[in-house]
Amino acid sequence: MSDMSKDGHSRRSVLKAGGVTTAALAVPGGVAAAAAPPEGTAPASTAEVTLTVNGRPHALTIECRVTLLDALRERLGLTGTKKGCDRGECGACTLLIEGERVKSCMTLAVMEDGREITTVEGLARGDELHPVQEAFIRRDAFQCGFCTPGQIMSAVACINEGHTRSCEEIREWMSGNLCRCGCYPNIVDAVRDAGNGAGR
């Protein structure tokens, strides 16, 4: 049985072509240089924005294509907001904008100029944790902790929106946040406790 395709390519020829491309990329002036943008190309457009994060204004000059998530993590050093799927599906990057939950990987930083942004770093008051943070610790509502900041921020909004009347309602309104470790029962318990003021 031949490994030759209908268009005359074999596995060997494809692998050889890949090797040549790799070698060219490693050589100065090779394919990498050819792929570089031509001289005189205009840089990506930038904008002056003020991101008000956790009560503090931050003046930034950023490219218009930068997401709020990347601006927070890479420009402001606020790494509590996690980058998970980077497609708005997992909820790890959830934060609050004007009190409403937002997936920060799906919004551009320039769109939030002047608006009040709250990240997980802004919940505690000094050494006093937010009730949701306390409930997550008390209920052991995390394992690896990667999704926890987004879960906590979504829980704060869930409580503020009044969606804690039952476990079923909590599950529905927290469904945009995924937990790879499967801590959902403990998360629901933590949100219910914080919503009812338990442990305070």
C-alpha atoms as a PDB file:
ATOM      1  CA  MET A   1       0.000   0.000   0.000  1.00  0.00           C
ATOM      2  CA  SER A   2       1.473   3.326  -1.077  1.00  0.00           C
ATOM      3  CA  ASP A   3       1.595   6.316   1.272  1.00  0.00           C
ATOM      4  CA  MET A   4       1.452   8.650  -1.737  1.00  0.00           C
ATOM      5  CA  SER A   5      -1.573  10.959  -1.831  1.00  0.00           C
ATOM      6  CA  LYS A   6      -3.577  11.670  -4.972  1.00  0.00           C
ATOM      7  CA  ASP A   7      -1.782  14.977  -5.470  1.00  0.00           C
ATOM      8  CA  GLY A   8       1.650  13.328  -5.387  1.00  0.00           C
ATOM      9  CA  HIS A   9       2.658  14.119  -1.797  1.00  0.00           C
ATOM     10  CA  SER A  10       4.007  11.478   0.541  1.00  0.00           C
ATOM     11  CA  ARG A  11       4.539  11.609   4.287  1.00  0.00           C
ATOM     12  CA  ARG A  12       8.279  11.771   3.620  1.00  0.00           C
ATOM     13  CA  SER A  13       7.972  14.810   1.319  1.00  0.00           C
ATOM     14  CA  VAL A  14       5.742  16.653   3.805  1.00  0.00           C
ATOM     15  CA  LEU A  15       8.194  16.009   6.655  1.00  0.00           C
ATOM     16  CA  LYS A  16      11.111  17.173   4.514  1.00  0.00           C
ATOM     17  CA  ALA A  17       9.266  20.381   3.640  1.00  0.00           C
ATOM     18  CA  GLY A  18       8.581  20.996   7.318  1.00  0.00           C
ATOM     19  CA  GLY A  19      12.253  20.553   8.134  1.00  0.00           C
ATOM     20  CA  VAL A  20      13.298  23.042   5.483  1.00  0.00           C
ATOM     21  CA  THR A  21      10.801  25.610   6.816  1.00  0.00           C
ATOM     22  CA  THR A  22      12.057  25.141  10.375  1.00  0.00           C
ATOM     23  CA  ALA A  23      15.652  25.631   9.243  1.00  0.00           C
ATOM     24  CA  ALA A  24      14.729  28.788   7.342  1.00  0.00           C
ATOM     25  CA  LEU A  25      13.024  30.250  10.404  1.00  0.00           C
ATOM     26  CA  ALA A  26      16.178  29.669  12.451  1.00  0.00           C
ATOM     27  CA  VAL A  27      18.414  31.545   9.977  1.00  0.00           C
ATOM     28  CA  PRO A  28      18.573  35.360  10.176  1.00  0.00           C
ATOM     29  CA  GLY A  29      17.050  36.783   7.042  1.00  0.00           C
ATOM     30  CA  GLY A  30      15.173  33.551   6.262  1.00  0.00           C
ATOM     31  CA  VAL A  31      11.423  33.066   6.076  1.00  0.00           C
ATOM     32  CA  ALA A  32      10.967  34.979   9.338  1.00  0.00           C
ATOM     33  CA  ALA A  33      12.456  38.090   7.780  1.00  0.00           C
ATOM     34  CA  ALA A  34      10.269  37.708   4.731  1.00  0.00           C
ATOM     35  CA  ALA A  35       7.214  37.541   7.005  1.00  0.00           C
ATOM     36  CA  ALA A  36       8.114  40.784   8.777  1.00  0.00           C
ATOM     37  CA  PRO A  37       5.856  43.766   7.999  1.00  0.00           C
ATOM     38  CA  PRO A  38       7.304  46.165   5.424  1.00  0.00           C
ATOM     39  CA  GLU A  39       8.990  49.351   6.575  1.00  0.00           C
ATOM     40  CA  GLY A  40       6.659  52.290   6.941  1.00  0.00           C
ATOM     41  CA  THR A  41       3.716  50.156   7.991  1.00  0.00           C
ATOM     42  CA  ALA A  42       1.571  52.089  10.454  1.00  0.00           C
ATOM     43  CA  PRO A  43       1.596  50.677  14.010  1.00  0.00           C
ATOM     44  CA  ALA A  44      -1.592  49.478  15.609  1.00  0.00           C
ATOM     45  CA  SER A  45      -3.723  52.420  16.748  1.00  0.00           C
ATOM     46  CA  THR A  46      -3.488  53.351  20.408  1.00  0.00           C
ATOM     47  CA  ALA A  47      -5.720  55.202  22.820  1.00  0.00           C
ATOM     48  CA  GLU A  48      -5.397  57.050  26.091  1.00  0.00           C
ATOM     49  CA  VAL A  49      -7.675  55.478  28.695  1.00  0.00           C
ATOM     50  CA  THR A  50      -8.232  55.711  32.409  1.00  0.00           C
ATOM     51  CA  LEU A  51      -9.150  52.414  33.997  1.00  0.00           C
ATOM     52  CA  THR A  52     -10.640  52.885  37.450  1.00  0.00           C
ATOM     53  CA  VAL A  53      -9.858  49.591  39.146  1.00  0.00           C
ATOM     54  CA  ASN A  54     -10.794  48.896  42.763  1.00  0.00           C
ATOM     55  CA  GLY A  55     -11.286  52.607  43.357  1.00  0.00           C
ATOM     56  CA  ARG A  56      -7.937  53.704  41.888  1.00  0.00           C
ATOM     57  CA  PRO A  57      -7.577  55.414  38.480  1.00  0.00           C
ATOM     58  CA  HIS A  58      -4.848  54.188  36.143  1.00  0.00           C
ATOM     59  CA  ALA A  59      -3.947  56.255  33.067  1.00  0.00           C
ATOM     60  CA  LEU A  60      -2.744  54.010  30.238  1.00  0.00           C
ATOM     61  CA  THR A  61      -1.758  54.264  26.608  1.00  0.00           C
ATOM     62  CA  ILE A  62      -2.791  50.981  25.051  1.00  0.00           C
ATOM     63  CA  GLU A  63      -3.490  49.469  21.666  1.00  0.00           C
ATOM     64  CA  CYS A  64      -7.198  49.533  20.873  1.00  0.00           C
ATOM     65  CA  ARG A  65      -7.234  45.751  20.407  1.00  0.00           C
ATOM     66  CA  VAL A  66      -6.036  44.955  23.969  1.00  0.00           C
ATOM     67  CA  THR A  67      -8.592  43.143  26.097  1.00  0.00           C
ATOM     68  CA  LEU A  68      -9.438  44.327  29.574  1.00  0.00           C
ATOM     69  CA  LEU A  69      -8.084  41.025  30.903  1.00  0.00           C
ATOM     70  CA  ASP A  70      -4.667  41.572  29.328  1.00  0.00           C
ATOM     71  CA  ALA A  71      -4.550  45.219  30.413  1.00  0.00           C
ATOM     72  CA  LEU A  72      -5.220  44.226  34.021  1.00  0.00           C
ATOM     73  CA  ARG A  73      -2.724  41.376  34.091  1.00  0.00           C
ATOM     74  CA  GLU A  74       0.084  42.699  31.906  1.00  0.00           C
ATOM     75  CA  ARG A  75      -0.090  46.465  32.413  1.00  0.00           C
ATOM     76  CA  LEU A  76      -1.422  46.808  35.969  1.00  0.00           C
ATOM     77  CA  GLY A  77      -0.037  43.596  37.509  1.00  0.00           C
ATOM     78  CA  LEU A  78      -3.467  42.534  38.788  1.00  0.00           C
ATOM     79  CA  THR A  79      -3.136  38.805  38.174  1.00  0.00           C
ATOM     80  CA  GLY A  80      -6.028  37.701  40.385  1.00  0.00           C
ATOM     81  CA  THR A  81      -8.257  37.731  37.302  1.00  0.00           C
ATOM     82  CA  LYS A  82      -7.318  34.512  35.486  1.00  0.00           C
ATOM     83  CA  LYS A  83      -6.961  33.780  31.784  1.00  0.00           C
ATOM     84  CA  GLY A  84      -8.646  30.451  31.146  1.00  0.00           C
ATOM     85  CA  CYS A  85     -10.168  29.705  27.751  1.00  0.00           C
ATOM     86  CA  ASP A  86      -9.714  33.296  26.458  1.00  0.00           C
ATOM     87  CA  ARG A  87     -12.990  32.786  24.555  1.00  0.00           C
ATOM     88  CA  GLY A  88     -15.634  33.782  27.120  1.00  0.00           C
ATOM     89  CA  GLU A  89     -16.623  30.203  27.864  1.00  0.00           C
ATOM     90  CA  CYS A  90     -15.087  29.294  31.248  1.00  0.00           C
ATOM     91  CA  GLY A  91     -15.671  32.422  33.350  1.00  0.00           C
ATOM     92  CA  ALA A  92     -12.232  32.411  35.007  1.00  0.00           C
ATOM     93  CA  CYS A  93     -11.786  36.066  34.015  1.00  0.00           C
ATOM     94  CA  THR A  94     -15.110  37.286  35.467  1.00  0.00           C
ATOM     95  CA  LEU A  95     -15.040  40.661  37.206  1.00  0.00           C
ATOM     96  CA  LEU A  96     -17.505  43.428  37.954  1.00  0.00           C
ATOM     97  CA  ILE A  97     -17.995  46.562  35.885  1.00  0.00           C
ATOM     98  CA  GLU A  98     -20.359  49.053  37.480  1.00  0.00           C
ATOM     99  CA  GLY A  99     -21.504  46.152  39.662  1.00  0.00           C
ATOM    100  CA  GLU A 100     -22.366  43.839  36.757  1.00  0.00           C
ATOM    101  CA  ARG A 101     -20.405  40.675  35.999  1.00  0.00           C
ATOM    102  CA  VAL A 102     -18.385  40.759  32.808  1.00  0.00           C
ATOM    103  CA  LYS A 103     -15.992  38.278  31.205  1.00  0.00           C
ATOM    104  CA  SER A 104     -12.948  40.478  30.786  1.00  0.00           C
ATOM    105  CA  CYS A 105     -11.436  38.420  27.955  1.00  0.00           C
ATOM    106  CA  MET A 106     -14.420  39.439  25.832  1.00  0.00           C
ATOM    107  CA  THR A 107     -14.296  43.205  26.346  1.00  0.00           C
ATOM    108  CA  LEU A 108     -11.732  45.680  25.069  1.00  0.00           C
ATOM    109  CA  ALA A 109     -10.014  47.862  27.643  1.00  0.00           C
ATOM    110  CA  VAL A 110     -10.837  51.031  25.668  1.00  0.00           C
ATOM    111  CA  MET A 111     -14.552  50.252  26.066  1.00  0.00           C
ATOM    112  CA  GLU A 112     -14.265  50.531  29.855  1.00  0.00           C
ATOM    113  CA  ASP A 113     -12.613  53.943  29.984  1.00  0.00           C
ATOM    114  CA  GLY A 114     -13.821  55.756  33.116  1.00  0.00           C
ATOM    115  CA  ARG A 115     -16.068  52.956  34.337  1.00  0.00           C
ATOM    116  CA  GLU A 116     -15.756  51.399  37.805  1.00  0.00           C
ATOM    117  CA  ILE A 117     -14.029  48.014  37.618  1.00  0.00           C
ATOM    118  CA  THR A 118     -13.806  45.644  40.571  1.00  0.00           C
ATOM    119  CA  THR A 119     -11.458  42.656  40.558  1.00  0.00           C
ATOM    120  CA  VAL A 120     -11.005  39.983  43.194  1.00  0.00           C
ATOM    121  CA  GLU A 121      -8.167  42.059  44.677  1.00  0.00           C
ATOM    122  CA  GLY A 122     -10.697  44.787  45.499  1.00  0.00           C
ATOM    123  CA  LEU A 123     -13.134  42.724  47.566  1.00  0.00           C
ATOM    124  CA  ALA A 124     -11.343  42.506  50.905  1.00  0.00           C
ATOM    125  CA  ARG A 125     -11.111  45.514  53.203  1.00  0.00           C
ATOM    126  CA  GLY A 126      -7.594  45.297  54.552  1.00  0.00           C
ATOM    127  CA  ASP A 127      -7.358  42.031  56.501  1.00  0.00           C
ATOM    128  CA  GLU A 128     -11.138  41.595  56.494  1.00  0.00           C
ATOM    129  CA  LEU A 129     -12.252  39.237  53.759  1.00  0.00           C
ATOM    130  CA  HIS A 130     -15.459  39.718  51.810  1.00  0.00           C
ATOM    131  CA  PRO A 131     -18.283  37.419  53.043  1.00  0.00           C
ATOM    132  CA  VAL A 132     -18.114  35.438  49.793  1.00  0.00           C
ATOM    133  CA  GLN A 133     -14.376  34.882  50.221  1.00  0.00           C
ATOM    134  CA  GLU A 134     -14.952  33.715  53.793  1.00  0.00           C
ATOM    135  CA  ALA A 135     -17.709  31.360  52.673  1.00  0.00           C
ATOM    136  CA  PHE A 136     -15.524  29.839  49.939  1.00  0.00           C
ATOM    137  CA  ILE A 137     -12.831  29.107  52.506  1.00  0.00           C
ATOM    138  CA  ARG A 138     -15.259  27.773  55.087  1.00  0.00           C
ATOM    139  CA  ARG A 139     -17.015  25.509  52.563  1.00  0.00           C
ATOM    140  CA  ASP A 140     -13.750  24.409  50.885  1.00  0.00           C
ATOM    141  CA  ALA A 141     -15.221  25.544  47.564  1.00  0.00           C
ATOM    142  CA  PHE A 142     -12.029  25.180  45.551  1.00  0.00           C
ATOM    143  CA  GLN A 143      -9.233  22.738  44.824  1.00  0.00           C
ATOM    144  CA  CYS A 144      -6.715  24.034  42.298  1.00  0.00           C
ATOM    145  CA  GLY A 145      -8.116  27.552  42.772  1.00  0.00           C
ATOM    146  CA  PHE A 146      -7.702  28.610  39.143  1.00  0.00           C
ATOM    147  CA  CYS A 147     -11.403  29.316  38.598  1.00  0.00           C
ATOM    148  CA  THR A 148     -11.930  30.642  42.126  1.00  0.00           C
ATOM    149  CA  PRO A 149     -11.486  34.396  41.467  1.00  0.00           C
ATOM    150  CA  GLY A 150     -14.057  34.276  38.669  1.00  0.00           C
ATOM    151  CA  GLN A 151     -16.384  32.108  40.763  1.00  0.00           C
ATOM    152  CA  ILE A 152     -16.141  34.557  43.668  1.00  0.00           C
ATOM    153  CA  MET A 153     -16.801  37.613  41.491  1.00  0.00           C
ATOM    154  CA  SER A 154     -19.770  35.918  39.850  1.00  0.00           C
ATOM    155  CA  ALA A 155     -21.059  34.878  43.285  1.00  0.00           C
ATOM    156  CA  VAL A 156     -20.899  38.468  44.535  1.00  0.00           C
ATOM    157  CA  ALA A 157     -23.007  39.570  41.572  1.00  0.00           C
ATOM    158  CA  CYS A 158     -25.366  36.604  41.980  1.00  0.00           C
ATOM    159  CA  ILE A 159     -26.044  37.615  45.586  1.00  0.00           C
ATOM    160  CA  ASN A 160     -26.415  41.303  44.723  1.00  0.00           C
ATOM    161  CA  GLU A 161     -28.886  40.403  41.980  1.00  0.00           C
ATOM    162  CA  GLY A 162     -30.985  38.425  44.456  1.00  0.00           C
ATOM    163  CA  HIS A 163     -30.553  35.032  42.815  1.00  0.00           C
ATOM    164  CA  THR A 164     -29.944  32.941  45.932  1.00  0.00           C
ATOM    165  CA  ARG A 165     -33.446  31.831  46.842  1.00  0.00           C
ATOM    166  CA  SER A 166     -32.653  28.160  46.191  1.00  0.00           C
ATOM    167  CA  CYS A 167     -29.758  25.886  45.273  1.00  0.00           C
ATOM    168  CA  GLU A 168     -31.322  25.411  41.832  1.00  0.00           C
ATOM    169  CA  GLU A 169     -31.436  29.162  41.276  1.00  0.00           C
ATOM    170  CA  ILE A 170     -27.809  29.550  42.387  1.00  0.00           C
ATOM    171  CA  ARG A 171     -26.713  26.798  40.005  1.00  0.00           C
ATOM    172  CA  GLU A 172     -28.553  28.478  37.129  1.00  0.00           C
ATOM    173  CA  TRP A 173     -27.090  31.917  37.757  1.00  0.00           C
ATOM    174  CA  MET A 174     -23.567  30.564  38.389  1.00  0.00           C
ATOM    175  CA  SER A 175     -23.651  28.343  35.302  1.00  0.00           C
ATOM    176  CA  GLY A 176     -21.393  30.663  33.302  1.00  0.00           C
ATOM    177  CA  ASN A 177     -18.443  29.745  35.526  1.00  0.00           C
ATOM    178  CA  LEU A 178     -16.837  26.347  35.023  1.00  0.00           C
ATOM    179  CA  CYS A 179     -14.858  24.392  37.634  1.00  0.00           C
ATOM    180  CA  ARG A 180     -12.503  21.743  36.265  1.00  0.00           C
ATOM    181  CA  CYS A 181     -12.125  20.212  39.737  1.00  0.00           C
ATOM    182  CA  GLY A 182     -15.877  19.646  40.094  1.00  0.00           C
ATOM    183  CA  CYS A 183     -16.378  21.642  43.302  1.00  0.00           C
ATOM    184  CA  TYR A 184     -19.876  22.713  42.284  1.00  0.00           C
ATOM    185  CA  PRO A 185     -21.738  21.441  45.405  1.00  0.00           C
ATOM    186  CA  ASN A 186     -19.343  23.308  47.706  1.00  0.00           C
ATOM    187  CA  ILE A 187     -19.533  26.441  45.538  1.00  0.00           C
ATOM    188  CA  VAL A 188     -23.324  26.411  45.721  1.00  0.00           C
ATOM    189  CA  ASP A 189     -23.134  25.970  49.514  1.00  0.00           C
ATOM    190  CA  ALA A 190     -20.708  28.886  49.775  1.00  0.00           C
ATOM    191  CA  VAL A 191     -22.908  31.187  47.686  1.00  0.00           C
ATOM    192  CA  ARG A 192     -25.981  30.172  49.708  1.00  0.00           C
ATOM    193  CA  ASP A 193     -24.155  30.838  52.997  1.00  0.00           C
ATOM    194  CA  ALA A 194     -22.900  34.244  51.892  1.00  0.00           C
ATOM    195  CA  GLY A 195     -26.296  35.158  50.481  1.00  0.00           C
ATOM    196  CA  ASN A 196     -27.997  34.258  53.757  1.00  0.00           C
ATOM    197  CA  GLY A 197     -25.338  35.914  55.905  1.00  0.00           C
ATOM    198  CA  ALA A 198     -24.304  32.573  57.429  1.00  0.00           C
ATOM    199  CA  GLY A 199     -21.066  32.577  59.394  1.00  0.00           C
ATOM    200  CA  ARG A 200     -21.134  36.346  59.999  1.00  0.00           C
END
